[in-house]
Amino acid sequence: MQEARLKILKQLVAEEPNEPFNKYALAMEYMNIDQSEALTLLTNIKNEHSNYLPTYYQLGGILTENENYEEAEKIYLEGISLATKQENDKILKELKGAFQRMKDEAEDW
């Protein structure tokens, strides 16, 4: 079943390469099976579609899980800034919460 979803999502990305949602959906599918691939996809989305706000939460989360706290901080702060500019209070709250949890987890960093 998962292989079928991956195949469909890869096809959607190929058909609509400028649609960040399709790339994001593919990255989310990889989150549980290949976190390295998910990290690569999310980084590419951030670089190619910097206004696609959901990317920042997930990318910051992966970086935090990998204890790459400095990079996670940078991503979270960029996301917080973008959410503020886009006046997206829901994602702003989520990003701030994730950033605070990361800081609490990484006290010594």
PDB file of N, CA and C in Angstrom:
ATOM      1  N   MET A   1       0.818  -1.197   0.000  1.00  0.00           N
ATOM      2  CA  MET A   1       0.000   0.000   0.000  1.00  0.00           C
ATOM      3  C   MET A   1       0.864   1.264   0.000  1.00  0.00           C
ATOM      4  N   GLN A   2       1.897   1.269   0.856  1.00  0.00           N
ATOM      5  CA  GLN A   2       2.757   2.445   0.928  1.00  0.00           C
ATOM      6  C   GLN A   2       3.499   2.669  -0.390  1.00  0.00           C
ATOM      7  N   GLU A   3       3.934   1.593  -1.013  1.00  0.00           N
ATOM      8  CA  GLU A   3       4.616   1.711  -2.302  1.00  0.00           C
ATOM      9  C   GLU A   3       3.695   2.337  -3.351  1.00  0.00           C
ATOM     10  N   ALA A   4       2.428   1.972  -3.295  1.00  0.00           N
ATOM     11  CA  ALA A   4       1.456   2.533  -4.247  1.00  0.00           C
ATOM     12  C   ALA A   4       1.298   4.029  -4.013  1.00  0.00           C
ATOM     13  N   ARG A   5       1.228   4.451  -2.746  1.00  0.00           N
ATOM     14  CA  ARG A   5       1.113   5.887  -2.447  1.00  0.00           C
ATOM     15  C   ARG A   5       2.359   6.629  -2.898  1.00  0.00           C
ATOM     16  N   LEU A   6       3.531   6.042  -2.649  1.00  0.00           N
ATOM     17  CA  LEU A   6       4.773   6.677  -3.094  1.00  0.00           C
ATOM     18  C   LEU A   6       4.790   6.845  -4.608  1.00  0.00           C
ATOM     19  N   LYS A   7       4.370   5.820  -5.305  1.00  0.00           N
ATOM     20  CA  LYS A   7       4.353   5.874  -6.767  1.00  0.00           C
ATOM     21  C   LYS A   7       3.424   6.982  -7.254  1.00  0.00           C
ATOM     22  N   ILE A   8       2.250   7.074  -6.664  1.00  0.00           N
ATOM     23  CA  ILE A   8       1.287   8.111  -7.057  1.00  0.00           C
ATOM     24  C   ILE A   8       1.842   9.501  -6.760  1.00  0.00           C
ATOM     25  N   LEU A   9       2.405   9.676  -5.570  1.00  0.00           N
ATOM     26  CA  LEU A   9       2.949  10.980  -5.196  1.00  0.00           C
ATOM     27  C   LEU A   9       4.132  11.384  -6.075  1.00  0.00           C
ATOM     28  N   LYS A  10       4.997  10.442  -6.377  1.00  0.00           N
ATOM     29  CA  LYS A  10       6.116  10.739  -7.279  1.00  0.00           C
ATOM     30  C   LYS A  10       5.604  11.154  -8.656  1.00  0.00           C
ATOM     31  N   GLN A  11       4.553  10.500  -9.109  1.00  0.00           N
ATOM     32  CA  GLN A  11       3.967  10.847 -10.394  1.00  0.00           C
ATOM     33  C   GLN A  11       3.381  12.261 -10.357  1.00  0.00           C
ATOM     34  N   LEU A  12       2.700  12.599  -9.266  1.00  0.00           N
ATOM     35  CA  LEU A  12       2.139  13.951  -9.138  1.00  0.00           C
ATOM     36  C   LEU A  12       3.244  15.010  -9.130  1.00  0.00           C
ATOM     37  N   VAL A  13       4.339  14.721  -8.438  1.00  0.00           N
ATOM     38  CA  VAL A  13       5.472  15.652  -8.416  1.00  0.00           C
ATOM     39  C   VAL A  13       6.044  15.826  -9.822  1.00  0.00           C
ATOM     40  N   ALA A  14       6.161  14.735 -10.555  1.00  0.00           N
ATOM     41  CA  ALA A  14       6.685  14.798 -11.922  1.00  0.00           C
ATOM     42  C   ALA A  14       5.751  15.589 -12.840  1.00  0.00           C
ATOM     43  N   GLU A  15       4.447  15.424 -12.644  1.00  0.00           N
ATOM     44  CA  GLU A  15       3.475  16.112 -13.493  1.00  0.00           C
ATOM     45  C   GLU A  15       3.341  17.591 -13.157  1.00  0.00           C
ATOM     46  N   GLU A  16       3.509  17.931 -11.883  1.00  0.00           N
ATOM     47  CA  GLU A  16       3.373  19.316 -11.435  1.00  0.00           C
ATOM     48  C   GLU A  16       4.575  19.706 -10.570  1.00  0.00           C
ATOM     49  N   PRO A  17       5.729  19.892 -11.188  1.00  0.00           N
ATOM     50  CA  PRO A  17       6.942  20.139 -10.413  1.00  0.00           C
ATOM     51  C   PRO A  17       6.954  21.470  -9.650  1.00  0.00           C
ATOM     52  N   ASN A  18       6.080  22.385 -10.011  1.00  0.00           N
ATOM     53  CA  ASN A  18       6.038  23.674  -9.321  1.00  0.00           C
ATOM     54  C   ASN A  18       4.974  23.731  -8.231  1.00  0.00           C
ATOM     55  N   GLU A  19       4.354  22.592  -7.936  1.00  0.00           N
ATOM     56  CA  GLU A  19       3.322  22.522  -6.888  1.00  0.00           C
ATOM     57  C   GLU A  19       3.954  22.013  -5.593  1.00  0.00           C
ATOM     58  N   PRO A  20       4.166  22.909  -4.610  1.00  0.00           N
ATOM     59  CA  PRO A  20       4.844  22.475  -3.386  1.00  0.00           C
ATOM     60  C   PRO A  20       4.046  21.462  -2.565  1.00  0.00           C
ATOM     61  N   PHE A  21       2.720  21.502  -2.636  1.00  0.00           N
ATOM     62  CA  PHE A  21       1.932  20.556  -1.842  1.00  0.00           C
ATOM     63  C   PHE A  21       2.256  19.111  -2.202  1.00  0.00           C
ATOM     64  N   ASN A  22       2.405  18.819  -3.491  1.00  0.00           N
ATOM     65  CA  ASN A  22       2.717  17.447  -3.914  1.00  0.00           C
ATOM     66  C   ASN A  22       4.069  16.998  -3.357  1.00  0.00           C
ATOM     67  N   LYS A  23       5.041  17.881  -3.390  1.00  0.00           N
ATOM     68  CA  LYS A  23       6.363  17.560  -2.844  1.00  0.00           C
ATOM     69  C   LYS A  23       6.289  17.362  -1.330  1.00  0.00           C
ATOM     70  N   TYR A  24       5.488  18.201  -0.688  1.00  0.00           N
ATOM     71  CA  TYR A  24       5.311  18.100   0.760  1.00  0.00           C
ATOM     72  C   TYR A  24       4.645  16.775   1.127  1.00  0.00           C
ATOM     73  N   ALA A  25       3.613  16.401   0.382  1.00  0.00           N
ATOM     74  CA  ALA A  25       2.926  15.133   0.630  1.00  0.00           C
ATOM     75  C   ALA A  25       3.894  13.960   0.470  1.00  0.00           C
ATOM     76  N   LEU A  26       4.756  14.033  -0.526  1.00  0.00           N
ATOM     77  CA  LEU A  26       5.754  12.984  -0.731  1.00  0.00           C
ATOM     78  C   LEU A  26       6.726  12.938   0.449  1.00  0.00           C
ATOM     79  N   ALA A  27       7.164  14.090   0.908  1.00  0.00           N
ATOM     80  CA  ALA A  27       8.070  14.143   2.062  1.00  0.00           C
ATOM     81  C   ALA A  27       7.410  13.543   3.297  1.00  0.00           C
ATOM     82  N   MET A  28       6.122  13.836   3.500  1.00  0.00           N
ATOM     83  CA  MET A  28       5.411  13.287   4.660  1.00  0.00           C
ATOM     84  C   MET A  28       5.285  11.765   4.560  1.00  0.00           C
ATOM     85  N   GLU A  29       5.139  11.261   3.367  1.00  0.00           N
ATOM     86  CA  GLU A  29       5.063   9.810   3.174  1.00  0.00           C
ATOM     87  C   GLU A  29       6.395   9.155   3.547  1.00  0.00           C
ATOM     88  N   TYR A  30       7.491   9.865   3.283  1.00  0.00           N
ATOM     89  CA  TYR A  30       8.815   9.329   3.599  1.00  0.00           C
ATOM     90  C   TYR A  30       9.186   9.460   5.076  1.00  0.00           C
ATOM     91  N   MET A  31       8.459  10.251   5.834  1.00  0.00           N
ATOM     92  CA  MET A  31       8.829  10.513   7.231  1.00  0.00           C
ATOM     93  C   MET A  31       9.034   9.231   8.041  1.00  0.00           C
ATOM     94  N   ASN A  32       8.218   8.227   7.829  1.00  0.00           N
ATOM     95  CA  ASN A  32       8.315   7.007   8.630  1.00  0.00           C
ATOM     96  C   ASN A  32       9.144   5.904   7.994  1.00  0.00           C
ATOM     97  N   ILE A  33       9.519   6.077   6.727  1.00  0.00           N
ATOM     98  CA  ILE A  33      10.263   4.994   6.079  1.00  0.00           C
ATOM     99  C   ILE A  33      11.691   5.373   5.712  1.00  0.00           C
ATOM    100  N   ASP A  34      11.950   6.667   5.508  1.00  0.00           N
ATOM    101  CA  ASP A  34      13.293   7.110   5.128  1.00  0.00           C
ATOM    102  C   ASP A  34      13.433   8.584   5.495  1.00  0.00           C
ATOM    103  N   GLN A  35      13.790   8.826   6.758  1.00  0.00           N
ATOM    104  CA  GLN A  35      13.850  10.200   7.243  1.00  0.00           C
ATOM    105  C   GLN A  35      14.892  11.035   6.506  1.00  0.00           C
ATOM    106  N   SER A  36      15.928  10.409   6.027  1.00  0.00           N
ATOM    107  CA  SER A  36      16.943  11.117   5.256  1.00  0.00           C
ATOM    108  C   SER A  36      16.344  11.674   3.962  1.00  0.00           C
ATOM    109  N   GLU A  37      15.538  10.862   3.298  1.00  0.00           N
ATOM    110  CA  GLU A  37      14.869  11.313   2.071  1.00  0.00           C
ATOM    111  C   GLU A  37      13.864  12.413   2.389  1.00  0.00           C
ATOM    112  N   ALA A  38      13.137  12.273   3.493  1.00  0.00           N
ATOM    113  CA  ALA A  38      12.184  13.306   3.903  1.00  0.00           C
ATOM    114  C   ALA A  38      12.918  14.621   4.161  1.00  0.00           C
ATOM    115  N   LEU A  39      14.069  14.558   4.821  1.00  0.00           N
ATOM    116  CA  LEU A  39      14.872  15.747   5.093  1.00  0.00           C
ATOM    117  C   LEU A  39      15.307  16.412   3.796  1.00  0.00           C
ATOM    118  N   THR A  40      15.762  15.618   2.841  1.00  0.00           N
ATOM    119  CA  THR A  40      16.183  16.151   1.544  1.00  0.00           C
ATOM    120  C   THR A  40      15.020  16.827   0.834  1.00  0.00           C
ATOM    121  N   LEU A  41      13.878  16.174   0.814  1.00  0.00           N
ATOM    122  CA  LEU A  41      12.697  16.737   0.141  1.00  0.00           C
ATOM    123  C   LEU A  41      12.247  18.030   0.805  1.00  0.00           C
ATOM    124  N   LEU A  42      12.184  18.043   2.119  1.00  0.00           N
ATOM    125  CA  LEU A  42      11.751  19.250   2.828  1.00  0.00           C
ATOM    126  C   LEU A  42      12.734  20.405   2.624  1.00  0.00           C
ATOM    127  N   THR A  43      14.012  20.095   2.630  1.00  0.00           N
ATOM    128  CA  THR A  43      15.018  21.136   2.378  1.00  0.00           C
ATOM    129  C   THR A  43      14.855  21.713   0.976  1.00  0.00           C
ATOM    130  N   ASN A  44      14.610  20.847   0.013  1.00  0.00           N
ATOM    131  CA  ASN A  44      14.393  21.315  -1.352  1.00  0.00           C
ATOM    132  C   ASN A  44      13.141  22.174  -1.463  1.00  0.00           C
ATOM    133  N   ILE A  45      12.079  21.774  -0.777  1.00  0.00           N
ATOM    134  CA  ILE A  45      10.845  22.575  -0.799  1.00  0.00           C
ATOM    135  C   ILE A  45      11.127  23.950  -0.217  1.00  0.00           C
ATOM    136  N   LYS A  46      11.818  23.993   0.913  1.00  0.00           N
ATOM    137  CA  LYS A  46      12.139  25.281   1.534  1.00  0.00           C
ATOM    138  C   LYS A  46      12.943  26.161   0.595  1.00  0.00           C
ATOM    139  N   ASN A  47      13.899  25.563  -0.098  1.00  0.00           N
ATOM    140  CA  ASN A  47      14.740  26.338  -1.009  1.00  0.00           C
ATOM    141  C   ASN A  47      13.996  26.782  -2.274  1.00  0.00           C
ATOM    142  N   GLU A  48      13.102  25.942  -2.774  1.00  0.00           N
ATOM    143  CA  GLU A  48      12.401  26.235  -4.022  1.00  0.00           C
ATOM    144  C   GLU A  48      11.080  26.970  -3.820  1.00  0.00           C
ATOM    145  N   HIS A  49      10.454  26.779  -2.672  1.00  0.00           N
ATOM    146  CA  HIS A  49       9.137  27.360  -2.384  1.00  0.00           C
ATOM    147  C   HIS A  49       9.169  27.927  -0.961  1.00  0.00           C
ATOM    148  N   SER A  50       9.969  28.947  -0.751  1.00  0.00           N
ATOM    149  CA  SER A  50      10.222  29.451   0.605  1.00  0.00           C
ATOM    150  C   SER A  50       8.974  29.985   1.300  1.00  0.00           C
ATOM    151  N   ASN A  51       7.907  30.262   0.559  1.00  0.00           N
ATOM    152  CA  ASN A  51       6.675  30.748   1.173  1.00  0.00           C
ATOM    153  C   ASN A  51       5.722  29.627   1.567  1.00  0.00           C
ATOM    154  N   TYR A  52       6.118  28.368   1.351  1.00  0.00           N
ATOM    155  CA  TYR A  52       5.256  27.245   1.697  1.00  0.00           C
ATOM    156  C   TYR A  52       5.455  26.932   3.178  1.00  0.00           C
ATOM    157  N   LEU A  53       4.629  27.505   3.984  1.00  0.00           N
ATOM    158  CA  LEU A  53       4.784  27.546   5.434  1.00  0.00           C
ATOM    159  C   LEU A  53       4.829  26.189   6.145  1.00  0.00           C
ATOM    160  N   PRO A  54       4.022  25.193   5.777  1.00  0.00           N
ATOM    161  CA  PRO A  54       4.062  23.917   6.519  1.00  0.00           C
ATOM    162  C   PRO A  54       5.441  23.257   6.557  1.00  0.00           C
ATOM    163  N   THR A  55       6.263  23.569   5.599  1.00  0.00           N
ATOM    164  CA  THR A  55       7.598  22.974   5.507  1.00  0.00           C
ATOM    165  C   THR A  55       8.434  23.258   6.755  1.00  0.00           C
ATOM    166  N   TYR A  56       8.307  24.450   7.306  1.00  0.00           N
ATOM    167  CA  TYR A  56       9.179  24.873   8.389  1.00  0.00           C
ATOM    168  C   TYR A  56       8.970  24.045   9.662  1.00  0.00           C
ATOM    169  N   TYR A  57       7.736  23.713   9.966  1.00  0.00           N
ATOM    170  CA  TYR A  57       7.446  22.910  11.152  1.00  0.00           C
ATOM    171  C   TYR A  57       8.059  21.517  11.023  1.00  0.00           C
ATOM    172  N   GLN A  58       7.824  20.869   9.901  1.00  0.00           N
ATOM    173  CA  GLN A  58       8.326  19.508   9.695  1.00  0.00           C
ATOM    174  C   GLN A  58       9.845  19.478   9.593  1.00  0.00           C
ATOM    175  N   LEU A  59      10.422  20.420   8.873  1.00  0.00           N
ATOM    176  CA  LEU A  59      11.874  20.470   8.719  1.00  0.00           C
ATOM    177  C   LEU A  59      12.551  20.729  10.063  1.00  0.00           C
ATOM    178  N   GLY A  60      12.009  21.668  10.822  1.00  0.00           N
ATOM    179  CA  GLY A  60      12.549  21.932  12.156  1.00  0.00           C
ATOM    180  C   GLY A  60      12.455  20.705  13.044  1.00  0.00           C
ATOM    181  N   GLY A  61      11.371  19.959  12.911  1.00  0.00           N
ATOM    182  CA  GLY A  61      11.186  18.749  13.708  1.00  0.00           C
ATOM    183  C   GLY A  61      12.216  17.680  13.401  1.00  0.00           C
ATOM    184  N   ILE A  62      12.463  17.450  12.136  1.00  0.00           N
ATOM    185  CA  ILE A  62      13.478  16.453  11.759  1.00  0.00           C
ATOM    186  C   ILE A  62      14.854  16.879  12.260  1.00  0.00           C
ATOM    187  N   LEU A  63      15.169  18.146  12.089  1.00  0.00           N
ATOM    188  CA  LEU A  63      16.476  18.627  12.544  1.00  0.00           C
ATOM    189  C   LEU A  63      16.612  18.491  14.062  1.00  0.00           C
ATOM    190  N   THR A  64      15.530  18.751  14.775  1.00  0.00           N
ATOM    191  CA  THR A  64      15.545  18.590  16.233  1.00  0.00           C
ATOM    192  C   THR A  64      15.749  17.129  16.602  1.00  0.00           C
ATOM    193  N   GLU A  65      15.028  16.227  15.951  1.00  0.00           N
ATOM    194  CA  GLU A  65      15.184  14.792  16.223  1.00  0.00           C
ATOM    195  C   GLU A  65      16.620  14.339  16.006  1.00  0.00           C
ATOM    196  N   ASN A  66      17.288  14.946  15.042  1.00  0.00           N
ATOM    197  CA  ASN A  66      18.675  14.595  14.739  1.00  0.00           C
ATOM    198  C   ASN A  66      19.673  15.414  15.552  1.00  0.00           C
ATOM    199  N   GLU A  67      19.140  16.157  16.528  1.00  0.00           N
ATOM    200  CA  GLU A  67      19.939  16.988  17.426  1.00  0.00           C
ATOM    201  C   GLU A  67      20.779  18.022  16.691  1.00  0.00           C
ATOM    202  N   ASN A  68      20.278  18.478  15.571  1.00  0.00           N
ATOM    203  CA  ASN A  68      20.913  19.567  14.826  1.00  0.00           C
ATOM    204  C   ASN A  68      20.206  20.858  15.250  1.00  0.00           C
ATOM    205  N   TYR A  69      20.433  21.245  16.506  1.00  0.00           N
ATOM    206  CA  TYR A  69      19.662  22.309  17.130  1.00  0.00           C
ATOM    207  C   TYR A  69      19.896  23.687  16.516  1.00  0.00           C
ATOM    208  N   GLU A  70      21.121  23.965  16.125  1.00  0.00           N
ATOM    209  CA  GLU A  70      21.394  25.280  15.537  1.00  0.00           C
ATOM    210  C   GLU A  70      20.630  25.469  14.228  1.00  0.00           C
ATOM    211  N   GLU A  71      20.628  24.452  13.391  1.00  0.00           N
ATOM    212  CA  GLU A  71      19.905  24.535  12.125  1.00  0.00           C
ATOM    213  C   GLU A  71      18.399  24.545  12.376  1.00  0.00           C
ATOM    214  N   ALA A  72      17.944  23.757  13.343  1.00  0.00           N
ATOM    215  CA  ALA A  72      16.512  23.739  13.681  1.00  0.00           C
ATOM    216  C   ALA A  72      16.068  25.119  14.162  1.00  0.00           C
ATOM    217  N   GLU A  73      16.894  25.755  14.993  1.00  0.00           N
ATOM    218  CA  GLU A  73      16.558  27.106  15.471  1.00  0.00           C
ATOM    219  C   GLU A  73      16.392  28.055  14.291  1.00  0.00           C
ATOM    220  N   LYS A  74      17.324  27.996  13.364  1.00  0.00           N
ATOM    221  CA  LYS A  74      17.268  28.863  12.184  1.00  0.00           C
ATOM    222  C   LYS A  74      15.970  28.622  11.403  1.00  0.00           C
ATOM    223  N   ILE A  75      15.623  27.370  11.190  1.00  0.00           N
ATOM    224  CA  ILE A  75      14.414  27.025  10.429  1.00  0.00           C
ATOM    225  C   ILE A  75      13.167  27.499  11.168  1.00  0.00           C
ATOM    226  N   TYR A  76      13.092  27.214  12.470  1.00  0.00           N
ATOM    227  CA  TYR A  76      11.924  27.644  13.240  1.00  0.00           C
ATOM    228  C   TYR A  76      11.776  29.170  13.213  1.00  0.00           C
ATOM    229  N   LEU A  77      12.870  29.891  13.389  1.00  0.00           N
ATOM    230  CA  LEU A  77      12.788  31.351  13.392  1.00  0.00           C
ATOM    231  C   LEU A  77      12.379  31.897  12.021  1.00  0.00           C
ATOM    232  N   GLU A  78      12.866  31.285  10.948  1.00  0.00           N
ATOM    233  CA  GLU A  78      12.425  31.684   9.610  1.00  0.00           C
ATOM    234  C   GLU A  78      10.934  31.427   9.444  1.00  0.00           C
ATOM    235  N   GLY A  79      10.485  30.274   9.918  1.00  0.00           N
ATOM    236  CA  GLY A  79       9.069  29.935   9.832  1.00  0.00           C
ATOM    237  C   GLY A  79       8.209  30.882  10.649  1.00  0.00           C
ATOM    238  N   ILE A  80       8.660  31.224  11.846  1.00  0.00           N
ATOM    239  CA  ILE A  80       7.927  32.167  12.698  1.00  0.00           C
ATOM    240  C   ILE A  80       7.812  33.518  12.010  1.00  0.00           C
ATOM    241  N   SER A  81       8.888  33.968  11.413  1.00  0.00           N
ATOM    242  CA  SER A  81       8.864  35.235  10.685  1.00  0.00           C
ATOM    243  C   SER A  81       7.886  35.185   9.509  1.00  0.00           C
ATOM    244  N   LEU A  82       7.939  34.096   8.759  1.00  0.00           N
ATOM    245  CA  LEU A  82       7.053  33.941   7.604  1.00  0.00           C
ATOM    246  C   LEU A  82       5.590  33.854   8.042  1.00  0.00           C
ATOM    247  N   ALA A  83       5.315  33.096   9.098  1.00  0.00           N
ATOM    248  CA  ALA A  83       3.942  32.968   9.590  1.00  0.00           C
ATOM    249  C   ALA A  83       3.415  34.317  10.062  1.00  0.00           C
ATOM    250  N   THR A  84       4.281  35.111  10.671  1.00  0.00           N
ATOM    251  CA  THR A  84       3.893  36.452  11.103  1.00  0.00           C
ATOM    252  C   THR A  84       3.545  37.316   9.895  1.00  0.00           C
ATOM    253  N   LYS A  85       4.391  37.275   8.873  1.00  0.00           N
ATOM    254  CA  LYS A  85       4.135  38.050   7.649  1.00  0.00           C
ATOM    255  C   LYS A  85       2.861  37.600   6.957  1.00  0.00           C
ATOM    256  N   GLN A  86       2.611  36.286   6.964  1.00  0.00           N
ATOM    257  CA  GLN A  86       1.423  35.750   6.302  1.00  0.00           C
ATOM    258  C   GLN A  86       0.181  35.840   7.193  1.00  0.00           C
ATOM    259  N   GLU A  87       0.373  36.324   8.418  1.00  0.00           N
ATOM    260  CA  GLU A  87      -0.710  36.448   9.391  1.00  0.00           C
ATOM    261  C   GLU A  87      -1.441  35.121   9.596  1.00  0.00           C
ATOM    262  N   ASN A  88      -0.650  34.056   9.687  1.00  0.00           N
ATOM    263  CA  ASN A  88      -1.191  32.720   9.904  1.00  0.00           C
ATOM    264  C   ASN A  88      -0.978  32.357  11.372  1.00  0.00           C
ATOM    265  N   ASP A  89      -1.950  32.734  12.194  1.00  0.00           N
ATOM    266  CA  ASP A  89      -1.811  32.577  13.639  1.00  0.00           C
ATOM    267  C   ASP A  89      -1.730  31.126  14.081  1.00  0.00           C
ATOM    268  N   LYS A  90      -2.429  30.238  13.398  1.00  0.00           N
ATOM    269  CA  LYS A  90      -2.418  28.824  13.775  1.00  0.00           C
ATOM    270  C   LYS A  90      -1.018  28.231  13.616  1.00  0.00           C
ATOM    271  N   ILE A  91      -0.427  28.423  12.451  1.00  0.00           N
ATOM    272  CA  ILE A  91       0.914  27.874  12.229  1.00  0.00           C
ATOM    273  C   ILE A  91       1.950  28.631  13.062  1.00  0.00           C
ATOM    274  N   LEU A  92       1.745  29.917  13.263  1.00  0.00           N
ATOM    275  CA  LEU A  92       2.647  30.691  14.110  1.00  0.00           C
ATOM    276  C   LEU A  92       2.698  30.092  15.510  1.00  0.00           C
ATOM    277  N   LYS A  93       1.538  29.773  16.068  1.00  0.00           N
ATOM    278  CA  LYS A  93       1.467  29.174  17.399  1.00  0.00           C
ATOM    279  C   LYS A  93       2.161  27.812  17.415  1.00  0.00           C
ATOM    280  N   GLU A  94       1.939  27.006  16.372  1.00  0.00           N
ATOM    281  CA  GLU A  94       2.570  25.683  16.297  1.00  0.00           C
ATOM    282  C   GLU A  94       4.084  25.796  16.215  1.00  0.00           C
ATOM    283  N   LEU A  95       4.570  26.726  15.400  1.00  0.00           N
ATOM    284  CA  LEU A  95       6.015  26.912  15.256  1.00  0.00           C
ATOM    285  C   LEU A  95       6.647  27.401  16.566  1.00  0.00           C
ATOM    286  N   LYS A  96       5.990  28.343  17.213  1.00  0.00           N
ATOM    287  CA  LYS A  96       6.517  28.839  18.485  1.00  0.00           C
ATOM    288  C   LYS A  96       6.554  27.729  19.527  1.00  0.00           C
ATOM    289  N   GLY A  97       5.517  26.901  19.553  1.00  0.00           N
ATOM    290  CA  GLY A  97       5.487  25.783  20.494  1.00  0.00           C
ATOM    291  C   GLY A  97       6.593  24.780  20.211  1.00  0.00           C
ATOM    292  N   ALA A  98       6.788  24.443  18.939  1.00  0.00           N
ATOM    293  CA  ALA A  98       7.841  23.492  18.566  1.00  0.00           C
ATOM    294  C   ALA A  98       9.226  24.061  18.895  1.00  0.00           C
ATOM    295  N   PHE A  99       9.400  25.349  18.648  1.00  0.00           N
ATOM    296  CA  PHE A  99      10.667  26.002  18.944  1.00  0.00           C
ATOM    297  C   PHE A  99      10.947  25.967  20.446  1.00  0.00           C
ATOM    298  N   GLN A 100       9.932  26.240  21.261  1.00  0.00           N
ATOM    299  CA  GLN A 100      10.106  26.213  22.713  1.00  0.00           C
ATOM    300  C   GLN A 100      10.422  24.806  23.203  1.00  0.00           C
ATOM    301  N   ARG A 101       9.721  23.801  22.658  1.00  0.00           N
ATOM    302  CA  ARG A 101      10.002  22.405  23.041  1.00  0.00           C
ATOM    303  C   ARG A 101      11.435  22.032  22.697  1.00  0.00           C
ATOM    304  N   MET A 102      11.906  22.493  21.523  1.00  0.00           N
ATOM    305  CA  MET A 102      13.278  22.205  21.126  1.00  0.00           C
ATOM    306  C   MET A 102      14.250  22.853  22.111  1.00  0.00           C
ATOM    307  N   LYS A 103      13.996  24.093  22.469  1.00  0.00           N
ATOM    308  CA  LYS A 103      14.883  24.780  23.419  1.00  0.00           C
ATOM    309  C   LYS A 103      14.892  24.077  24.767  1.00  0.00           C
ATOM    310  N   ASP A 104      13.721  23.619  25.213  1.00  0.00           N
ATOM    311  CA  ASP A 104      13.647  22.905  26.486  1.00  0.00           C
ATOM    312  C   ASP A 104      14.418  21.590  26.416  1.00  0.00           C
ATOM    313  N   GLU A 105      14.308  20.900  25.267  1.00  0.00           N
ATOM    314  CA  GLU A 105      14.987  19.612  25.076  1.00  0.00           C
ATOM    315  C   GLU A 105      16.499  19.788  24.997  1.00  0.00           C
ATOM    316  N   ALA A 106      16.911  20.881  24.440  1.00  0.00           N
ATOM    317  CA  ALA A 106      18.342  21.091  24.164  1.00  0.00           C
ATOM    318  C   ALA A 106      18.922  22.165  25.077  1.00  0.00           C
ATOM    319  N   GLU A 107      18.662  22.044  26.355  1.00  0.00           N
ATOM    320  CA  GLU A 107      19.112  23.064  27.311  1.00  0.00           C
ATOM    321  C   GLU A 107      20.606  23.342  27.236  1.00  0.00           C
ATOM    322  N   ASP A 108      21.380  22.321  27.002  1.00  0.00           N
ATOM    323  CA  ASP A 108      22.836  22.481  27.008  1.00  0.00           C
ATOM    324  C   ASP A 108      23.400  22.987  25.685  1.00  0.00           C
ATOM    325  N   TRP A 109      22.556  23.044  24.683  1.00  0.00           N
ATOM    326  CA  TRP A 109      23.047  23.436  23.378  1.00  0.00           C
ATOM    327  C   TRP A 109      23.211  24.896  23.370  1.00  0.00           C
TER     328      TRP A 109
END
